N, C-alpha and C. Protein backbone atom coordinates (compact mmCIF):
# COMPACT_ATOMS: atom_id res chain seq x y z
N MET A 1 68.34 40.53 34.62
CA MET A 1 66.97 40.28 34.20
C MET A 1 66.47 39.61 32.86
N PRO A 2 67.02 40.46 31.94
CA PRO A 2 66.64 39.90 30.59
C PRO A 2 66.86 38.70 30.30
N SER A 3 67.76 38.03 31.04
CA SER A 3 68.17 36.47 30.56
C SER A 3 67.08 35.58 31.45
N ALA A 4 66.54 36.14 32.52
CA ALA A 4 65.37 35.32 33.29
C ALA A 4 64.16 35.35 32.55
N SER A 5 63.95 36.57 31.80
CA SER A 5 62.81 36.56 31.08
C SER A 5 62.58 35.80 29.73
N THR A 6 63.83 35.75 29.33
CA THR A 6 63.93 34.87 27.91
C THR A 6 63.64 33.51 28.08
N PRO A 7 63.89 32.72 29.14
CA PRO A 7 63.48 31.33 29.21
C PRO A 7 62.07 31.22 29.26
N PHE A 8 61.36 32.30 29.93
CA PHE A 8 59.85 32.55 30.39
C PHE A 8 59.33 32.74 28.99
N VAL A 9 59.66 33.64 28.04
CA VAL A 9 59.14 33.96 26.82
C VAL A 9 59.22 32.72 26.03
N SER A 10 60.43 32.01 25.98
CA SER A 10 60.76 30.80 25.13
C SER A 10 59.58 29.82 25.61
N ARG A 11 59.28 29.65 27.07
CA ARG A 11 58.37 28.63 27.35
C ARG A 11 57.31 28.88 26.96
N LEU A 12 56.85 30.30 26.97
CA LEU A 12 55.53 30.62 26.66
C LEU A 12 55.12 30.51 25.15
N VAL A 13 56.28 30.96 24.42
CA VAL A 13 56.23 30.47 22.89
C VAL A 13 56.02 29.01 22.52
N ARG A 14 56.69 28.41 23.45
CA ARG A 14 56.57 26.64 23.06
C ARG A 14 55.11 26.40 23.55
N TRP A 15 54.56 26.73 24.66
CA TRP A 15 53.25 26.61 24.93
C TRP A 15 52.16 27.00 24.14
N ARG A 16 52.41 28.17 23.48
CA ARG A 16 51.39 28.59 22.37
C ARG A 16 51.55 27.51 21.30
N TYR A 17 52.78 27.29 20.97
CA TYR A 17 52.74 26.36 19.67
C TYR A 17 51.93 24.93 20.14
N LEU A 18 52.18 24.69 21.33
CA LEU A 18 51.59 23.39 21.83
C LEU A 18 50.01 23.59 21.77
N VAL A 19 49.64 24.70 22.27
CA VAL A 19 48.27 24.96 22.42
C VAL A 19 47.60 25.03 20.83
N PHE A 20 48.41 25.65 19.92
CA PHE A 20 47.92 25.74 18.61
C PHE A 20 47.90 24.47 17.81
N ILE A 21 48.82 23.67 18.19
CA ILE A 21 48.91 22.38 17.40
C ILE A 21 47.89 21.51 18.20
N ASN A 22 47.59 21.60 19.47
CA ASN A 22 46.41 20.69 19.99
C ASN A 22 45.01 21.13 19.50
N LEU A 23 44.82 22.50 19.36
CA LEU A 23 43.66 23.19 18.85
C LEU A 23 43.55 22.43 17.44
N ILE A 24 44.66 22.64 16.66
CA ILE A 24 44.32 22.03 15.39
C ILE A 24 44.07 20.68 15.26
N LEU A 25 44.84 19.77 16.17
CA LEU A 25 44.52 18.25 16.27
C LEU A 25 43.04 18.14 16.57
N ILE A 26 42.55 18.92 17.61
CA ILE A 26 41.19 18.58 18.36
C ILE A 26 40.13 19.03 16.97
N GLY A 27 40.50 20.05 16.26
CA GLY A 27 39.51 20.36 15.14
C GLY A 27 39.73 19.38 14.08
N PHE A 28 40.64 18.71 13.91
CA PHE A 28 40.88 17.62 12.69
C PHE A 28 39.82 16.69 13.49
N LEU A 29 40.03 15.94 14.65
CA LEU A 29 39.37 14.99 15.04
C LEU A 29 38.04 15.17 15.16
N GLY A 30 37.49 16.31 15.45
CA GLY A 30 36.09 16.85 15.55
C GLY A 30 35.67 16.58 14.22
N PHE A 31 36.27 17.01 13.19
CA PHE A 31 35.67 17.07 11.90
C PHE A 31 35.53 15.56 11.43
N THR A 32 36.71 14.73 11.75
CA THR A 32 36.69 13.63 11.39
C THR A 32 35.48 12.69 12.06
N LEU A 33 35.26 12.79 13.43
CA LEU A 33 34.18 12.36 14.09
C LEU A 33 32.88 12.80 13.44
N GLY A 34 32.89 14.04 13.24
CA GLY A 34 31.59 14.58 12.64
C GLY A 34 31.07 13.59 11.27
N ARG A 35 32.19 13.67 10.54
CA ARG A 35 31.94 13.26 9.17
C ARG A 35 31.64 11.60 9.48
N GLU A 36 32.20 10.86 10.34
CA GLU A 36 31.79 9.48 10.52
C GLU A 36 30.60 9.13 11.26
N TRP A 37 29.98 10.28 12.03
CA TRP A 37 28.86 10.12 12.60
C TRP A 37 27.74 10.41 11.49
N TRP A 38 28.04 11.30 10.57
CA TRP A 38 27.03 11.52 9.54
C TRP A 38 26.91 10.45 8.52
N HIS A 39 28.13 9.82 8.20
CA HIS A 39 28.00 8.64 7.16
C HIS A 39 27.42 7.45 8.15
N ALA A 40 27.67 7.16 9.50
CA ALA A 40 26.91 6.16 10.02
C ALA A 40 25.42 6.53 10.07
N ARG A 41 24.91 7.65 10.20
CA ARG A 41 23.52 8.14 10.09
C ARG A 41 22.91 7.85 8.82
N ASP A 42 23.60 8.15 7.73
CA ASP A 42 23.05 7.90 6.30
C ASP A 42 22.93 6.23 6.21
N ILE A 43 23.95 5.60 6.61
CA ILE A 43 24.07 4.22 6.61
C ILE A 43 22.81 3.51 7.34
N GLN A 44 22.42 4.25 8.31
CA GLN A 44 21.24 3.81 9.45
C GLN A 44 20.22 3.98 8.49
N ARG A 45 19.72 5.10 7.94
CA ARG A 45 18.84 5.39 7.08
C ARG A 45 18.44 4.55 5.93
N GLU A 46 19.65 4.14 5.53
CA GLU A 46 19.38 3.20 4.30
C GLU A 46 19.14 1.87 4.71
N ILE A 47 19.59 1.34 5.97
CA ILE A 47 19.12 0.28 6.55
C ILE A 47 17.70 -0.04 6.97
N ASN A 48 17.18 1.33 7.45
CA ASN A 48 15.87 1.15 7.93
C ASN A 48 14.92 1.29 6.57
N HIS A 49 15.43 1.87 5.59
CA HIS A 49 14.59 1.99 4.30
C HIS A 49 14.54 0.61 3.70
N LEU A 50 15.64 -0.18 3.52
CA LEU A 50 15.65 -1.45 3.22
C LEU A 50 14.91 -2.44 4.13
N GLN A 51 14.86 -2.03 5.22
CA GLN A 51 14.02 -3.05 6.12
C GLN A 51 12.68 -2.98 5.91
N ALA A 52 11.97 -1.72 5.72
CA ALA A 52 11.05 -1.61 5.37
C ALA A 52 10.55 -2.02 4.00
N GLN A 53 11.29 -2.01 3.05
CA GLN A 53 11.10 -2.63 1.64
C GLN A 53 11.10 -4.16 1.90
N ALA A 54 11.92 -4.55 2.76
CA ALA A 54 12.03 -6.09 2.99
C ALA A 54 10.59 -6.56 3.63
N ASP A 55 10.10 -5.77 4.61
CA ASP A 55 8.83 -6.14 5.25
C ASP A 55 7.77 -6.01 4.41
N THR A 56 7.56 -5.04 3.47
CA THR A 56 6.61 -4.90 2.30
C THR A 56 6.55 -5.90 1.35
N LEU A 57 7.69 -6.40 0.95
CA LEU A 57 7.85 -7.50 0.26
C LEU A 57 7.54 -8.83 1.00
N THR A 58 8.00 -8.94 1.95
CA THR A 58 7.39 -10.34 2.70
C THR A 58 6.01 -10.37 2.95
N LYS A 59 5.44 -9.31 3.29
CA LYS A 59 4.08 -9.22 3.26
C LYS A 59 3.18 -9.53 1.87
N ARG A 60 3.84 -8.74 0.80
CA ARG A 60 3.43 -8.94 -0.56
C ARG A 60 3.66 -10.68 -0.86
N ASN A 61 4.71 -10.93 -0.54
CA ASN A 61 4.79 -12.55 -0.81
C ASN A 61 4.10 -13.60 0.08
N SER A 62 3.57 -13.32 1.12
CA SER A 62 2.61 -13.93 1.80
C SER A 62 1.31 -13.95 1.32
N GLU A 63 0.85 -12.58 0.81
CA GLU A 63 -0.44 -12.43 0.12
C GLU A 63 -0.51 -13.33 -1.19
N LEU A 64 0.61 -13.10 -1.82
CA LEU A 64 0.51 -14.04 -3.17
C LEU A 64 0.56 -15.44 -2.95
N ALA A 65 1.24 -15.96 -1.87
CA ALA A 65 1.19 -17.34 -1.56
C ALA A 65 -0.20 -17.69 -0.93
N GLU A 66 -1.11 -16.84 -0.32
CA GLU A 66 -2.44 -17.16 -0.15
C GLU A 66 -3.28 -17.25 -1.48
N LEU A 67 -2.91 -16.20 -2.29
CA LEU A 67 -3.86 -16.35 -3.65
C LEU A 67 -3.60 -17.37 -4.38
N GLN A 68 -2.20 -17.86 -4.40
CA GLN A 68 -1.84 -18.98 -5.14
C GLN A 68 -2.53 -20.38 -4.69
N SER A 69 -2.57 -20.41 -3.19
CA SER A 69 -3.40 -21.50 -2.70
C SER A 69 -4.95 -21.50 -3.05
N ALA A 70 -5.26 -20.03 -3.15
CA ALA A 70 -6.84 -20.04 -3.35
C ALA A 70 -7.27 -20.33 -4.84
N VAL A 71 -6.18 -20.03 -5.58
CA VAL A 71 -6.57 -20.13 -6.97
C VAL A 71 -6.36 -21.79 -7.38
N GLN A 72 -5.72 -22.68 -6.62
CA GLN A 72 -5.51 -23.89 -6.99
C GLN A 72 -6.62 -24.78 -6.30
N THR A 73 -7.67 -24.21 -5.68
CA THR A 73 -8.53 -24.95 -5.23
C THR A 73 -9.71 -25.17 -6.09
N GLN A 74 -10.31 -26.30 -5.99
CA GLN A 74 -11.43 -26.88 -7.18
C GLN A 74 -12.63 -25.93 -7.16
N SER A 75 -12.97 -25.31 -6.02
CA SER A 75 -14.20 -24.41 -6.36
C SER A 75 -13.86 -23.10 -7.10
N PHE A 76 -12.48 -22.70 -6.86
CA PHE A 76 -12.24 -21.59 -7.60
C PHE A 76 -11.92 -21.75 -9.10
N ILE A 77 -11.55 -23.06 -9.43
CA ILE A 77 -11.28 -23.28 -10.89
C ILE A 77 -12.87 -23.45 -11.46
N GLU A 78 -13.77 -23.90 -10.77
CA GLU A 78 -15.11 -24.30 -11.52
C GLU A 78 -15.47 -22.91 -11.54
N ARG A 79 -15.57 -21.90 -10.54
CA ARG A 79 -16.24 -20.65 -10.55
C ARG A 79 -15.72 -19.86 -11.75
N GLU A 80 -14.26 -20.02 -11.89
CA GLU A 80 -13.73 -19.21 -13.11
C GLU A 80 -14.15 -19.72 -14.35
N ALA A 81 -14.40 -21.00 -14.37
CA ALA A 81 -14.53 -21.64 -15.90
C ALA A 81 -16.07 -21.15 -16.23
N ARG A 82 -17.10 -21.32 -14.98
CA ARG A 82 -18.32 -20.85 -15.33
C ARG A 82 -18.36 -19.28 -15.77
N LEU A 83 -17.65 -18.46 -15.01
CA LEU A 83 -17.80 -16.89 -15.23
C LEU A 83 -17.18 -16.52 -16.59
N LYS A 84 -15.87 -16.93 -16.78
CA LYS A 84 -15.04 -16.52 -17.86
C LYS A 84 -15.14 -17.18 -18.89
N LEU A 85 -15.50 -18.45 -18.98
CA LEU A 85 -15.49 -19.46 -20.14
C LEU A 85 -16.85 -19.84 -20.69
N GLY A 86 -17.86 -19.65 -19.58
CA GLY A 86 -19.15 -20.05 -19.93
C GLY A 86 -19.48 -21.52 -19.85
N LEU A 87 -18.60 -22.17 -19.06
CA LEU A 87 -18.71 -23.69 -19.03
C LEU A 87 -19.90 -23.92 -18.03
N LYS A 88 -20.52 -25.10 -18.11
CA LYS A 88 -21.56 -25.62 -17.04
C LYS A 88 -21.30 -27.04 -16.85
N LYS A 89 -21.87 -27.36 -15.72
CA LYS A 89 -21.93 -28.83 -15.22
C LYS A 89 -22.77 -29.66 -16.13
N PRO A 90 -22.69 -30.78 -16.01
CA PRO A 90 -23.76 -31.75 -16.90
C PRO A 90 -25.24 -31.66 -16.11
N GLY A 91 -26.00 -31.30 -16.83
CA GLY A 91 -27.40 -31.38 -16.23
C GLY A 91 -28.04 -29.95 -15.94
N GLU A 92 -26.87 -28.83 -15.93
CA GLU A 92 -27.35 -27.62 -15.67
C GLU A 92 -27.79 -26.82 -16.72
N GLU A 93 -28.41 -25.85 -16.61
CA GLU A 93 -29.20 -24.95 -17.62
C GLU A 93 -28.40 -23.48 -17.61
N VAL A 94 -28.15 -22.82 -18.55
CA VAL A 94 -27.45 -21.44 -18.31
C VAL A 94 -28.49 -20.55 -18.64
N VAL A 95 -28.74 -19.50 -17.86
CA VAL A 95 -29.70 -18.35 -18.26
C VAL A 95 -28.79 -17.33 -18.50
N VAL A 96 -29.35 -16.47 -19.57
CA VAL A 96 -28.71 -15.22 -19.66
C VAL A 96 -29.60 -14.28 -19.61
N ILE A 97 -29.51 -13.13 -18.71
CA ILE A 97 -30.29 -11.92 -18.49
C ILE A 97 -29.96 -10.78 -18.99
N GLN A 98 -30.62 -10.20 -20.21
CA GLN A 98 -30.02 -8.99 -20.57
C GLN A 98 -30.91 -7.83 -20.05
N PRO A 99 -30.29 -6.93 -20.23
CA PRO A 99 -31.18 -5.46 -19.61
C PRO A 99 -31.95 -5.11 -20.87
N ARG A 100 -33.22 -4.65 -20.38
CA ARG A 100 -34.11 -4.03 -21.44
C ARG A 100 -33.57 -2.77 -22.01
N GLU A 101 -33.87 -2.58 -23.14
CA GLU A 101 -33.76 -1.13 -23.83
C GLU A 101 -34.94 -0.42 -23.31
N THR A 102 -34.44 0.92 -22.81
CA THR A 102 -35.30 1.88 -22.58
C THR A 102 -35.56 3.01 -23.53
N SER A 103 -36.63 3.63 -23.79
CA SER A 103 -36.71 4.69 -25.05
C SER A 103 -36.69 5.91 -24.15
N GLY A 104 -36.55 7.18 -24.84
CA GLY A 104 -36.55 8.21 -24.32
C GLY A 104 -37.84 9.04 -24.14
N THR A 105 -38.99 8.40 -24.64
CA THR A 105 -40.16 8.81 -24.46
C THR A 105 -40.92 7.88 -23.46
N PRO A 106 -42.00 8.50 -22.63
CA PRO A 106 -42.59 7.58 -21.63
C PRO A 106 -43.51 6.80 -22.26
N ASN A 107 -43.91 5.51 -22.23
CA ASN A 107 -44.62 4.47 -22.53
C ASN A 107 -45.73 4.16 -21.55
N ALA A 108 -46.48 3.16 -21.74
CA ALA A 108 -47.51 2.98 -20.89
C ALA A 108 -47.02 2.30 -19.35
N GLU A 109 -45.82 1.92 -19.38
CA GLU A 109 -45.39 1.36 -18.17
C GLU A 109 -45.04 2.71 -17.13
N GLN A 110 -44.37 3.75 -18.09
CA GLN A 110 -43.88 4.76 -17.18
C GLN A 110 -45.11 5.83 -16.77
N GLN A 111 -45.08 6.17 -15.40
CA GLN A 111 -46.28 7.27 -14.85
C GLN A 111 -45.78 8.49 -15.43
N VAL A 112 -46.82 9.26 -16.10
CA VAL A 112 -46.71 10.71 -16.32
C VAL A 112 -47.02 11.40 -15.06
N ASP A 113 -45.98 12.32 -14.77
CA ASP A 113 -46.16 13.12 -13.43
C ASP A 113 -46.76 14.52 -13.88
N GLY A 114 -47.94 14.58 -13.62
CA GLY A 114 -48.61 16.08 -14.22
C GLY A 114 -48.21 17.28 -13.45
N SER A 115 -47.68 17.13 -12.37
CA SER A 115 -46.89 18.48 -11.68
C SER A 115 -45.70 18.72 -12.15
N ASP A 116 -44.96 18.00 -13.08
CA ASP A 116 -43.82 18.36 -13.57
C ASP A 116 -44.02 18.83 -15.08
N PRO A 117 -44.17 19.88 -15.66
CA PRO A 117 -44.60 20.32 -16.91
C PRO A 117 -43.35 19.86 -17.78
N LEU A 118 -42.04 19.88 -17.33
CA LEU A 118 -41.15 19.75 -18.17
C LEU A 118 -40.88 18.04 -18.58
N HIS A 119 -41.68 17.30 -18.14
CA HIS A 119 -41.31 15.64 -18.52
C HIS A 119 -41.48 15.63 -19.97
N LEU A 120 -42.10 16.55 -20.69
CA LEU A 120 -42.18 16.39 -22.19
C LEU A 120 -40.89 16.59 -22.69
N VAL A 121 -40.13 17.79 -22.30
CA VAL A 121 -39.07 18.33 -22.86
C VAL A 121 -37.85 17.40 -22.49
N ILE A 122 -37.62 17.26 -20.99
CA ILE A 122 -36.65 16.50 -20.22
C ILE A 122 -37.04 15.44 -19.81
N PRO A 123 -36.46 14.34 -20.28
CA PRO A 123 -36.61 13.13 -19.70
C PRO A 123 -36.45 12.84 -18.09
N LYS A 124 -37.08 12.14 -17.44
CA LYS A 124 -37.40 12.08 -15.84
C LYS A 124 -35.90 12.03 -15.46
N GLU A 125 -35.10 11.09 -16.15
CA GLU A 125 -33.68 10.77 -15.55
C GLU A 125 -32.77 12.03 -15.67
N THR A 126 -32.86 13.03 -16.64
CA THR A 126 -32.23 14.02 -16.74
C THR A 126 -32.96 15.26 -16.49
N SER A 127 -33.92 15.17 -15.65
CA SER A 127 -34.40 16.32 -15.18
C SER A 127 -33.83 17.35 -14.43
N ARG A 128 -32.67 16.99 -13.61
CA ARG A 128 -31.94 17.54 -12.93
C ARG A 128 -30.69 17.84 -13.61
N PRO A 129 -30.29 19.23 -13.96
CA PRO A 129 -29.10 19.15 -14.49
C PRO A 129 -28.10 19.26 -13.38
N GLN A 130 -27.02 18.76 -13.74
CA GLN A 130 -25.68 18.74 -13.05
C GLN A 130 -25.16 20.08 -12.81
N VAL A 131 -25.01 20.80 -12.12
CA VAL A 131 -24.30 22.18 -11.99
C VAL A 131 -23.17 21.84 -11.11
N PRO A 132 -21.82 22.26 -11.56
CA PRO A 132 -20.71 22.19 -10.59
C PRO A 132 -20.97 22.92 -9.42
N ASN A 133 -20.21 22.83 -8.20
CA ASN A 133 -20.38 23.59 -7.23
C ASN A 133 -19.90 25.15 -7.21
N ALA A 134 -18.68 24.96 -8.00
CA ALA A 134 -18.02 26.27 -8.49
C ALA A 134 -18.99 27.29 -9.22
N THR A 135 -19.87 26.86 -9.93
CA THR A 135 -21.02 27.61 -10.70
C THR A 135 -21.94 28.06 -9.66
N LYS A 136 -22.27 27.09 -8.71
CA LYS A 136 -23.27 27.32 -7.89
C LYS A 136 -22.85 28.41 -6.86
N TRP A 137 -21.64 28.43 -6.50
CA TRP A 137 -20.94 29.62 -5.64
C TRP A 137 -20.87 30.81 -6.42
N TRP A 138 -20.46 30.71 -7.67
CA TRP A 138 -20.63 32.28 -8.44
C TRP A 138 -21.90 32.82 -8.60
N TYR A 139 -22.90 31.78 -8.69
CA TYR A 139 -24.43 32.12 -8.92
C TYR A 139 -24.56 32.95 -7.25
N TYR A 140 -24.23 32.10 -6.29
CA TYR A 140 -24.57 32.68 -4.96
C TYR A 140 -24.26 34.02 -4.80
N PHE A 141 -22.97 34.28 -5.19
CA PHE A 141 -22.25 35.62 -4.81
C PHE A 141 -22.58 36.87 -6.07
N PHE A 142 -22.58 36.48 -7.19
CA PHE A 142 -22.66 37.37 -8.15
C PHE A 142 -24.17 37.39 -8.90
N ASN A 143 -24.73 36.32 -8.97
CA ASN A 143 -26.21 36.35 -9.70
C ASN A 143 -27.08 35.66 -8.74
N LYS A 144 -27.78 36.44 -7.89
CA LYS A 144 -28.72 35.92 -6.96
C LYS A 144 -29.90 35.35 -7.71
N ASN A 145 -30.44 35.90 -8.74
CA ASN A 145 -31.69 35.31 -9.54
C ASN A 145 -31.26 34.20 -10.16
N ALA A 146 -30.11 33.67 -10.70
CA ALA A 146 -29.82 32.46 -11.12
C ALA A 146 -29.73 31.45 -10.07
N PHE A 147 -29.00 31.87 -9.07
CA PHE A 147 -29.08 30.92 -7.73
C PHE A 147 -30.24 30.70 -7.19
N THR A 148 -31.30 31.54 -7.16
CA THR A 148 -32.65 31.38 -6.61
C THR A 148 -33.34 30.26 -7.36
N GLU A 149 -33.28 30.36 -8.86
CA GLU A 149 -33.86 29.62 -9.94
C GLU A 149 -33.23 28.18 -9.52
N LEU A 150 -31.95 28.05 -9.58
CA LEU A 150 -31.29 26.88 -9.32
C LEU A 150 -31.72 26.29 -8.00
N ALA A 151 -31.79 26.91 -7.14
CA ALA A 151 -32.08 26.24 -5.68
C ALA A 151 -33.36 25.93 -5.66
N ARG A 152 -34.51 26.71 -6.47
CA ARG A 152 -35.69 26.35 -6.58
C ARG A 152 -36.08 25.00 -7.27
N TYR A 153 -35.16 24.88 -8.40
CA TYR A 153 -35.28 23.64 -9.41
C TYR A 153 -34.61 22.61 -8.70
N ASP A 154 -33.62 22.65 -7.87
CA ASP A 154 -32.86 21.49 -7.14
C ASP A 154 -33.87 21.05 -5.81
N ASP A 155 -34.83 21.51 -5.37
CA ASP A 155 -35.67 21.03 -4.42
C ASP A 155 -36.87 20.43 -4.93
């Protein structure tokens, strides 16, 4: 009987080696396949990124072509010459309108509001102080009197 078990044991040992070698081979092939899949995914990402860049550049190129054709028109050239260079056509008159200087004190043209006693101290344009929202919230939670005064002044 020992002789009959020996070929079985040797066959079993050979099968174990075969299974072990197959597992190593399957692991190697799985690792290689996974690495190639990962590499293909990275390449596809790069292709998508470059395609998006190409689309953006194509759009920008068409916008620049439209701008170039618009800049080459006679009406654009005339408008730019008038605005930037101050040129005019023969027979035209150029009128330059300059803003008036306003003084800080009210004059005869400005109406004095009798209901606002601060008009003498604070000019009408700056009569409302610009208080940041953070300060308003601080006053709301920690200084009710200041918040009430500020709210009354804002109304």
